[in-house]
Amino acid sequence: MPQQLPLGIGIRPSVDFSSFIAGRNGEALSHLRSTLDPFLYLWGDSGVGKSHLLQAACGLAQAEGRQPAYLPLKSEQEIDPAMLDGLEGFGLVCLDDLERITGHKDWEQAIFNLFNLLRETGAQLVVTADCPPASLPVALPDLASRLTWGPCYHLFPLDDDERLELLLASAERRGMSMSVETASFLLQRTPRDIHFLTLLMDRLDSASMAAQRRLTIPFVRETLNL
């Protein structure tokens, strides 16, 4: 069985589809959860939940017995294209932030080769980027062509009501009680992208447990220095 990738590049068990607030991304979420397309391309700005969806897809694949691999390409300074060797043995491969390696011939060739090998083995490849395939500055024409071979979804940011829903649902999953007033206080004073809000709730969860205090506005203000 393929081994988990090194460098701490792994799957977070706490991240799943149930914790993703779909908003306008319902079709993309449904497609990712219910189909096994050989290739799927997701794109959008930072903070819309691209990494969350890849992590959730890996968790689902793992539960189904399909060994997943997750590789964040924003770590390109720490990883090497040779790390893609052997990934065709996985059932699902997720490459995050594809735009980070465009223009690098060795990376582009390695991903092109992996794409072809995964097609041969019947495995699934899901990638994310910050722009649609046609706008991605890929130097290798064959790879640019391959990136248009599957469904492509634009992921949109949540609106304020959906961000509020995200915070309240996140608190509930952690067994914490958070009022609408406290959640609104947070949203008015912190960055609003999904990744940041998730990390924020992790921090508040730990602080709440350590202090044995509820998530009131005074406690949140004190903990986060707001």
Protein backbone atom coordinates (compact mmCIF):
# COMPACT_ATOMS: atom_id res chain seq x y z
CA MET A 1 0.00 0.00 0.00
CA PRO A 2 1.36 3.51 -0.80
CA GLN A 3 2.79 5.33 2.16
CA GLN A 4 1.67 8.74 3.41
CA LEU A 5 3.73 11.57 2.01
CA PRO A 6 6.52 13.01 4.18
CA LEU A 7 7.11 16.60 5.34
CA GLY A 8 3.86 16.64 7.29
CA ILE A 9 1.89 16.66 4.06
CA GLY A 10 -1.06 14.67 5.29
CA ILE A 11 -4.79 14.55 5.65
CA ARG A 12 -6.54 16.31 8.52
CA PRO A 13 -9.22 13.94 9.89
CA SER A 14 -11.18 16.88 11.34
CA VAL A 15 -11.82 18.37 7.89
CA ASP A 16 -14.79 16.86 6.08
CA PHE A 17 -17.64 17.79 3.75
CA SER A 18 -20.11 18.29 6.61
CA SER A 19 -18.05 21.23 7.87
CA PHE A 20 -18.07 22.98 4.48
CA ILE A 21 -20.71 25.69 4.04
CA ALA A 22 -21.58 25.39 0.36
CA GLY A 23 -23.21 28.74 -0.36
CA ARG A 24 -23.06 29.23 -4.13
CA ASN A 25 -20.73 26.25 -4.43
CA GLY A 26 -23.41 23.60 -3.99
CA GLU A 27 -23.00 22.10 -7.45
CA ALA A 28 -19.22 21.78 -7.10
CA LEU A 29 -19.61 20.23 -3.65
CA SER A 30 -22.23 17.75 -4.85
CA HIS A 31 -20.14 16.79 -7.88
CA LEU A 32 -16.99 16.24 -5.84
CA ARG A 33 -18.83 14.10 -3.28
CA SER A 34 -20.85 11.93 -5.60
CA THR A 35 -18.79 11.22 -8.71
CA LEU A 36 -15.49 9.60 -9.61
CA ASP A 37 -14.54 11.70 -12.61
CA PRO A 38 -10.98 10.84 -13.65
CA PHE A 39 -10.13 14.56 -13.44
CA LEU A 40 -11.71 17.56 -11.71
CA TYR A 41 -10.50 21.17 -11.67
CA LEU A 42 -11.52 23.64 -8.93
CA TRP A 43 -10.52 27.29 -9.00
CA GLY A 44 -11.08 30.47 -7.03
CA ASP A 45 -9.46 33.11 -4.87
CA SER A 46 -7.60 32.36 -1.67
CA GLY A 47 -9.90 31.63 1.24
CA VAL A 48 -12.86 30.15 -0.65
CA GLY A 49 -12.26 26.64 0.66
CA LYS A 50 -10.26 24.90 -2.07
CA SER A 51 -7.92 23.17 0.37
CA HIS A 52 -10.84 22.26 2.62
CA LEU A 53 -12.58 20.48 -0.25
CA LEU A 54 -9.44 18.56 -1.23
CA GLN A 55 -8.89 17.48 2.36
CA ALA A 56 -12.55 16.43 2.64
CA ALA A 57 -12.31 14.47 -0.62
CA CYS A 58 -9.26 12.67 0.75
CA GLY A 59 -11.12 11.81 3.92
CA LEU A 60 -14.04 10.38 1.96
CA ALA A 61 -11.72 8.36 -0.29
CA GLN A 62 -9.97 6.97 2.76
CA ALA A 63 -13.31 5.92 4.27
CA GLU A 64 -14.17 4.18 0.99
CA GLY A 65 -10.87 2.29 0.90
CA ARG A 66 -9.32 4.39 -1.86
CA GLN A 67 -5.88 5.46 -0.63
CA PRO A 68 -5.60 9.24 -1.06
CA ALA A 69 -2.61 11.55 -1.44
CA TYR A 70 -2.73 15.30 -0.78
CA LEU A 71 0.10 17.56 -1.96
CA PRO A 72 0.04 21.35 -1.36
CA LEU A 73 2.13 22.85 -4.12
CA LYS A 74 2.53 26.12 -2.23
CA SER A 75 5.27 24.17 -0.43
CA GLU A 76 7.24 23.97 -3.68
CA GLN A 77 10.37 25.21 -1.88
CA GLU A 78 10.27 22.10 0.35
CA ILE A 79 9.21 19.47 -2.17
CA ASP A 80 10.53 18.10 -5.43
CA PRO A 81 8.79 16.87 -8.61
CA ALA A 82 10.22 13.44 -7.87
CA MET A 83 7.68 13.22 -5.04
CA LEU A 84 5.04 12.60 -7.69
CA ASP A 85 6.71 9.33 -8.63
CA GLY A 86 4.57 6.41 -7.54
CA LEU A 87 1.42 8.41 -6.87
CA GLU A 88 -0.31 6.48 -9.65
CA GLY A 89 -0.64 3.76 -7.03
CA PHE A 90 -3.08 5.89 -5.05
CA GLY A 91 -6.83 5.90 -5.64
CA LEU A 92 -7.12 9.69 -5.37
CA VAL A 93 -4.46 12.34 -5.85
CA CYS A 94 -5.16 15.96 -4.89
CA LEU A 95 -2.80 18.74 -6.01
CA ASP A 96 -3.45 22.07 -4.29
CA ASP A 97 -2.45 25.50 -5.71
CA LEU A 98 -1.39 24.38 -9.17
CA GLU A 99 -0.54 27.97 -10.12
CA ARG A 100 2.51 27.79 -7.83
CA ILE A 101 4.44 25.49 -10.17
CA THR A 102 3.41 26.78 -13.61
CA GLY A 103 6.37 27.76 -15.74
CA HIS A 104 8.63 25.25 -14.00
CA LYS A 105 9.42 22.72 -16.72
CA ASP A 106 10.33 19.89 -14.37
CA TRP A 107 7.12 20.25 -12.38
CA GLU A 108 4.92 20.58 -15.46
CA GLN A 109 6.43 17.49 -17.05
CA ALA A 110 6.04 15.51 -13.83
CA ILE A 111 2.37 16.47 -13.49
CA PHE A 112 1.74 15.66 -17.14
CA ASN A 113 3.29 12.22 -16.65
CA LEU A 114 1.26 11.67 -13.47
CA PHE A 115 -1.93 12.70 -15.26
CA ASN A 116 -1.36 10.04 -17.91
CA LEU A 117 -0.44 7.33 -15.39
CA LEU A 118 -3.51 8.01 -13.27
CA ARG A 119 -5.70 7.69 -16.37
CA GLU A 120 -4.16 4.30 -17.04
CA THR A 121 -4.73 3.03 -13.49
CA GLY A 122 -8.27 4.41 -13.27
CA ALA A 123 -7.40 6.65 -10.32
CA GLN A 124 -8.82 10.13 -9.76
CA LEU A 125 -6.95 13.45 -9.94
CA VAL A 126 -8.38 16.65 -8.44
CA VAL A 127 -6.48 19.94 -8.68
CA THR A 128 -7.06 23.49 -7.50
CA ALA A 129 -5.76 26.79 -8.83
CA ASP A 130 -6.48 30.50 -8.56
CA CYS A 131 -7.77 30.82 -12.12
CA PRO A 132 -9.50 28.70 -14.79
CA PRO A 133 -7.43 26.33 -16.96
CA ALA A 134 -7.37 28.64 -19.97
CA SER A 135 -5.83 31.43 -17.86
CA LEU A 136 -3.23 29.28 -16.13
CA PRO A 137 0.24 30.16 -17.54
CA VAL A 138 1.26 26.58 -18.30
CA ALA A 139 4.29 26.35 -20.61
CA LEU A 140 3.83 22.70 -21.60
CA PRO A 141 1.09 22.59 -24.28
CA ASP A 142 0.21 18.94 -23.61
CA LEU A 143 -0.39 19.66 -19.92
CA ALA A 144 -2.46 22.75 -20.74
CA SER A 145 -4.63 20.54 -22.93
CA ARG A 146 -5.02 17.86 -20.24
CA LEU A 147 -6.25 20.46 -17.72
CA THR A 148 -9.37 21.00 -19.84
CA TRP A 149 -10.33 17.32 -19.95
CA GLY A 150 -12.67 17.26 -16.97
CA PRO A 151 -15.36 19.25 -15.16
CA CYS A 152 -14.24 22.69 -13.97
CA TYR A 153 -15.87 24.65 -11.15
CA HIS A 154 -15.39 28.23 -10.02
CA LEU A 155 -15.60 28.43 -6.22
CA PHE A 156 -17.15 31.59 -4.78
CA PRO A 157 -16.55 33.19 -1.37
CA LEU A 158 -19.21 33.00 1.33
CA ASP A 159 -21.37 36.01 2.07
CA ASP A 160 -21.65 37.39 5.61
CA ASP A 161 -24.67 35.26 6.54
CA GLU A 162 -22.88 32.12 5.36
CA ARG A 163 -19.73 33.05 7.30
CA LEU A 164 -21.90 33.47 10.38
CA GLU A 165 -23.36 30.02 9.74
CA LEU A 166 -19.83 28.65 9.39
CA LEU A 167 -18.75 29.98 12.79
CA LEU A 168 -21.87 28.77 14.59
CA ALA A 169 -21.67 25.32 13.01
CA SER A 170 -17.94 25.10 13.77
CA ALA A 171 -18.55 25.90 17.43
CA GLU A 172 -21.34 23.34 17.65
CA ARG A 173 -19.20 20.58 16.14
CA ARG A 174 -16.59 21.26 18.81
CA GLY A 175 -19.16 21.04 21.57
CA MET A 176 -18.99 24.77 22.29
CA SER A 177 -21.79 27.27 22.62
CA MET A 178 -21.42 30.47 20.60
CA SER A 179 -24.09 33.13 20.36
CA VAL A 180 -24.92 34.98 17.17
CA GLU A 181 -23.68 38.14 18.87
CA THR A 182 -20.25 36.61 19.58
CA ALA A 183 -19.96 35.24 16.05
CA SER A 184 -20.90 38.64 14.60
CA PHE A 185 -18.30 40.29 16.84
CA LEU A 186 -15.64 37.96 15.43
CA LEU A 187 -16.61 38.60 11.82
CA GLN A 188 -16.46 42.35 12.31
CA ARG A 189 -12.89 42.22 13.62
CA THR A 190 -11.06 39.41 11.84
CA PRO A 191 -10.20 38.33 8.27
CA ARG A 192 -13.09 36.45 6.73
CA ASP A 193 -11.58 33.72 4.61
CA ILE A 194 -12.54 30.14 5.44
CA HIS A 195 -9.04 28.94 6.30
CA PHE A 196 -8.44 31.77 8.77
CA LEU A 197 -11.83 31.31 10.44
CA THR A 198 -11.20 27.58 10.82
CA LEU A 199 -7.84 28.20 12.49
CA LEU A 200 -9.48 30.86 14.66
CA MET A 201 -12.04 28.38 15.92
CA ASP A 202 -9.29 25.84 16.66
CA ARG A 203 -7.55 28.47 18.78
CA LEU A 204 -10.72 29.44 20.63
CA ASP A 205 -11.56 25.80 21.24
CA SER A 206 -8.20 25.19 22.92
CA ALA A 207 -8.42 28.40 24.96
CA SER A 208 -11.98 27.69 26.05
CA MET A 209 -11.09 24.19 27.23
CA ALA A 210 -7.99 25.42 29.09
CA ALA A 211 -9.82 28.24 30.84
CA GLN A 212 -13.12 26.36 31.23
CA ARG A 213 -14.95 29.42 29.92
CA ARG A 214 -17.71 29.92 27.40
CA LEU A 215 -17.23 31.79 24.13
CA THR A 216 -18.55 35.14 25.29
CA ILE A 217 -17.56 38.42 23.67
CA PRO A 218 -15.30 39.39 26.63
CA PHE A 219 -13.53 36.01 26.51
CA VAL A 220 -13.06 36.17 22.74
CA ARG A 221 -11.80 39.76 22.95
CA GLU A 222 -9.31 38.79 25.67
CA THR A 223 -8.12 35.61 23.96
CA LEU A 224 -7.61 37.16 20.53
CA ASN A 225 -6.55 40.63 21.70
CA LEU A 226 -9.33 42.26 19.71
